[in-house]
Amino acid sequence: MVAIDLRLATPQTPPALLQRVNGANVDLVFAPSGQQLLLRVDPSTWFNTADFAPLLTGTPDSNGNYGWSVDSSFNAAVLTGIKQTSGVYDFQLLAN
């Protein structure tokens, strides 16, 4: 789970806007007949700039799981990756 730092919310950028992923650019032309829309997501690039090492310096929870805080550099890097507009999302129209 990626947390959104709600302290960043303002009247101009409310929580709903902060939580939105404005991602993929797509230019599709739909035919008059029905078509299937295929979306593939490659999440591997979400973590390209995330440094996992600091995650293990914290204290695990009662189940032994490590996590990160909303204001950590790891969280910021993952959010940046999720919001990428190219190389992550691939849309294709398929004939029925």
C-alpha atoms as a PDB file:
ATOM      1  CA  MET A   1       0.000   0.000   0.000  1.00  0.00           C
ATOM      2  CA  VAL A   2       1.273   3.456  -0.863  1.00  0.00           C
ATOM      3  CA  ALA A   3       0.171   6.171   1.532  1.00  0.00           C
ATOM      4  CA  ILE A   4      -0.692   9.708   0.514  1.00  0.00           C
ATOM      5  CA  ASP A   5       0.578  12.413   2.859  1.00  0.00           C
ATOM      6  CA  LEU A   6      -2.641  14.300   3.578  1.00  0.00           C
ATOM      7  CA  ARG A   7      -0.614  17.152   5.067  1.00  0.00           C
ATOM      8  CA  LEU A   8       0.062  18.090   1.438  1.00  0.00           C
ATOM      9  CA  ALA A   9      -3.646  18.713   0.829  1.00  0.00           C
ATOM     10  CA  THR A  10      -4.721  22.278   0.127  1.00  0.00           C
ATOM     11  CA  PRO A  11      -7.943  23.789  -1.200  1.00  0.00           C
ATOM     12  CA  GLN A  12      -6.326  23.700  -4.667  1.00  0.00           C
ATOM     13  CA  THR A  13      -5.147  20.071  -4.287  1.00  0.00           C
ATOM     14  CA  PRO A  14      -7.696  18.239  -2.123  1.00  0.00           C
ATOM     15  CA  PRO A  15      -7.067  14.641  -0.980  1.00  0.00           C
ATOM     16  CA  ALA A  16      -9.062  13.200  -3.914  1.00  0.00           C
ATOM     17  CA  LEU A  17      -6.728  14.967  -6.352  1.00  0.00           C
ATOM     18  CA  LEU A  18      -3.605  13.835  -4.468  1.00  0.00           C
ATOM     19  CA  GLN A  19      -4.827  10.217  -4.598  1.00  0.00           C
ATOM     20  CA  ARG A  20      -5.558  10.241  -8.326  1.00  0.00           C
ATOM     21  CA  VAL A  21      -3.110   8.647 -10.718  1.00  0.00           C
ATOM     22  CA  ASN A  22      -3.072  10.831 -13.809  1.00  0.00           C
ATOM     23  CA  GLY A  23      -1.081   8.423 -15.832  1.00  0.00           C
ATOM     24  CA  ALA A  24      -1.216   6.979 -19.256  1.00  0.00           C
ATOM     25  CA  ASN A  25      -1.372   8.979 -22.428  1.00  0.00           C
ATOM     26  CA  VAL A  26      -3.395   7.082 -24.976  1.00  0.00           C
ATOM     27  CA  ASP A  27      -4.657   7.808 -28.470  1.00  0.00           C
ATOM     28  CA  LEU A  28      -7.236   5.179 -29.403  1.00  0.00           C
ATOM     29  CA  VAL A  29      -9.782   5.233 -32.199  1.00  0.00           C
ATOM     30  CA  PHE A  30     -12.856   3.179 -31.366  1.00  0.00           C
ATOM     31  CA  ALA A  31     -14.806   1.451 -34.136  1.00  0.00           C
ATOM     32  CA  PRO A  32     -18.615   1.668 -34.233  1.00  0.00           C
ATOM     33  CA  SER A  33     -18.827  -2.040 -33.405  1.00  0.00           C
ATOM     34  CA  GLY A  34     -17.814  -3.407 -30.028  1.00  0.00           C
ATOM     35  CA  GLN A  35     -14.159  -3.857 -29.175  1.00  0.00           C
ATOM     36  CA  GLN A  36     -12.223  -5.030 -26.180  1.00  0.00           C
ATOM     37  CA  LEU A  37      -9.824  -2.681 -24.446  1.00  0.00           C
ATOM     38  CA  LEU A  38      -6.712  -4.395 -23.132  1.00  0.00           C
ATOM     39  CA  LEU A  39      -4.662  -2.604 -20.484  1.00  0.00           C
ATOM     40  CA  ARG A  40      -1.292  -3.922 -19.398  1.00  0.00           C
ATOM     41  CA  VAL A  41       0.546  -2.412 -16.473  1.00  0.00           C
ATOM     42  CA  ASP A  42       4.284  -2.897 -15.992  1.00  0.00           C
ATOM     43  CA  PRO A  43       4.849  -1.946 -12.340  1.00  0.00           C
ATOM     44  CA  SER A  44       8.564  -2.793 -12.421  1.00  0.00           C
ATOM     45  CA  THR A  45       9.497   0.827 -13.169  1.00  0.00           C
ATOM     46  CA  TRP A  46       7.557   2.071 -10.138  1.00  0.00           C
ATOM     47  CA  PHE A  47      10.528   1.095  -7.994  1.00  0.00           C
ATOM     48  CA  ASN A  48      13.415   2.282 -10.196  1.00  0.00           C
ATOM     49  CA  THR A  49      14.323   5.167  -7.885  1.00  0.00           C
ATOM     50  CA  ALA A  50      13.170   3.571  -4.622  1.00  0.00           C
ATOM     51  CA  ASP A  51      15.924   2.598  -2.182  1.00  0.00           C
ATOM     52  CA  PHE A  52      14.769  -0.469  -0.246  1.00  0.00           C
ATOM     53  CA  ALA A  53      17.711  -0.512   2.189  1.00  0.00           C
ATOM     54  CA  PRO A  54      16.267   2.016   4.681  1.00  0.00           C
ATOM     55  CA  LEU A  55      13.128  -0.102   5.058  1.00  0.00           C
ATOM     56  CA  LEU A  56      15.051  -2.706   7.037  1.00  0.00           C
ATOM     57  CA  THR A  57      16.475  -0.159   9.479  1.00  0.00           C
ATOM     58  CA  GLY A  58      13.067   0.352  11.092  1.00  0.00           C
ATOM     59  CA  THR A  59      11.257  -1.839  13.568  1.00  0.00           C
ATOM     60  CA  PRO A  60       9.075  -4.641  12.234  1.00  0.00           C
ATOM     61  CA  ASP A  61       5.458  -4.891  13.321  1.00  0.00           C
ATOM     62  CA  SER A  62       4.125  -7.755  15.431  1.00  0.00           C
ATOM     63  CA  ASN A  63       4.036  -9.998  12.344  1.00  0.00           C
ATOM     64  CA  GLY A  64       7.651  -9.272  11.441  1.00  0.00           C
ATOM     65  CA  ASN A  65       6.712  -7.028   8.509  1.00  0.00           C
ATOM     66  CA  TYR A  66       8.661  -3.878   7.741  1.00  0.00           C
ATOM     67  CA  GLY A  67       6.963  -0.799   6.348  1.00  0.00           C
ATOM     68  CA  TRP A  68       7.511   2.836   5.575  1.00  0.00           C
ATOM     69  CA  SER A  69       6.047   6.123   6.660  1.00  0.00           C
ATOM     70  CA  VAL A  70       4.015   8.457   4.528  1.00  0.00           C
ATOM     71  CA  ASP A  71       6.797  11.037   4.520  1.00  0.00           C
ATOM     72  CA  SER A  72       9.650   8.642   3.701  1.00  0.00           C
ATOM     73  CA  SER A  73      11.792   8.962   0.593  1.00  0.00           C
ATOM     74  CA  PHE A  74      10.748   5.413  -0.336  1.00  0.00           C
ATOM     75  CA  ASN A  75       7.064   6.377  -0.361  1.00  0.00           C
ATOM     76  CA  ALA A  76       7.825   9.475  -2.451  1.00  0.00           C
ATOM     77  CA  ALA A  77       9.831   7.431  -4.975  1.00  0.00           C
ATOM     78  CA  VAL A  78       7.084   4.824  -5.365  1.00  0.00           C
ATOM     79  CA  LEU A  79       4.428   7.519  -5.821  1.00  0.00           C
ATOM     80  CA  THR A  80       6.559   9.138  -8.508  1.00  0.00           C
ATOM     81  CA  GLY A  81       6.880   5.786 -10.251  1.00  0.00           C
ATOM     82  CA  ILE A  82       3.138   5.104 -10.153  1.00  0.00           C
ATOM     83  CA  LYS A  83       2.409   8.486 -11.707  1.00  0.00           C
ATOM     84  CA  GLN A  84       4.696   7.959 -14.714  1.00  0.00           C
ATOM     85  CA  THR A  85       2.981   8.692 -17.992  1.00  0.00           C
ATOM     86  CA  SER A  86       5.053   6.469 -20.273  1.00  0.00           C
ATOM     87  CA  GLY A  87       6.573   3.015 -20.109  1.00  0.00           C
ATOM     88  CA  VAL A  88       4.109   1.757 -17.503  1.00  0.00           C
ATOM     89  CA  TYR A  89       0.667   1.579 -19.081  1.00  0.00           C
ATOM     90  CA  ASP A  90      -0.048  -0.015 -22.461  1.00  0.00           C
ATOM     91  CA  PHE A  91      -3.520   0.172 -24.036  1.00  0.00           C
ATOM     92  CA  GLN A  92      -4.603  -1.875 -27.032  1.00  0.00           C
ATOM     93  CA  LEU A  93      -7.924  -2.255 -28.826  1.00  0.00           C
ATOM     94  CA  LEU A  94      -8.738  -5.829 -29.777  1.00  0.00           C
ATOM     95  CA  ALA A  95     -11.197  -6.963 -32.403  1.00  0.00           C
ATOM     96  CA  ASN A  96     -14.091  -9.050 -31.103  1.00  0.00           C
END
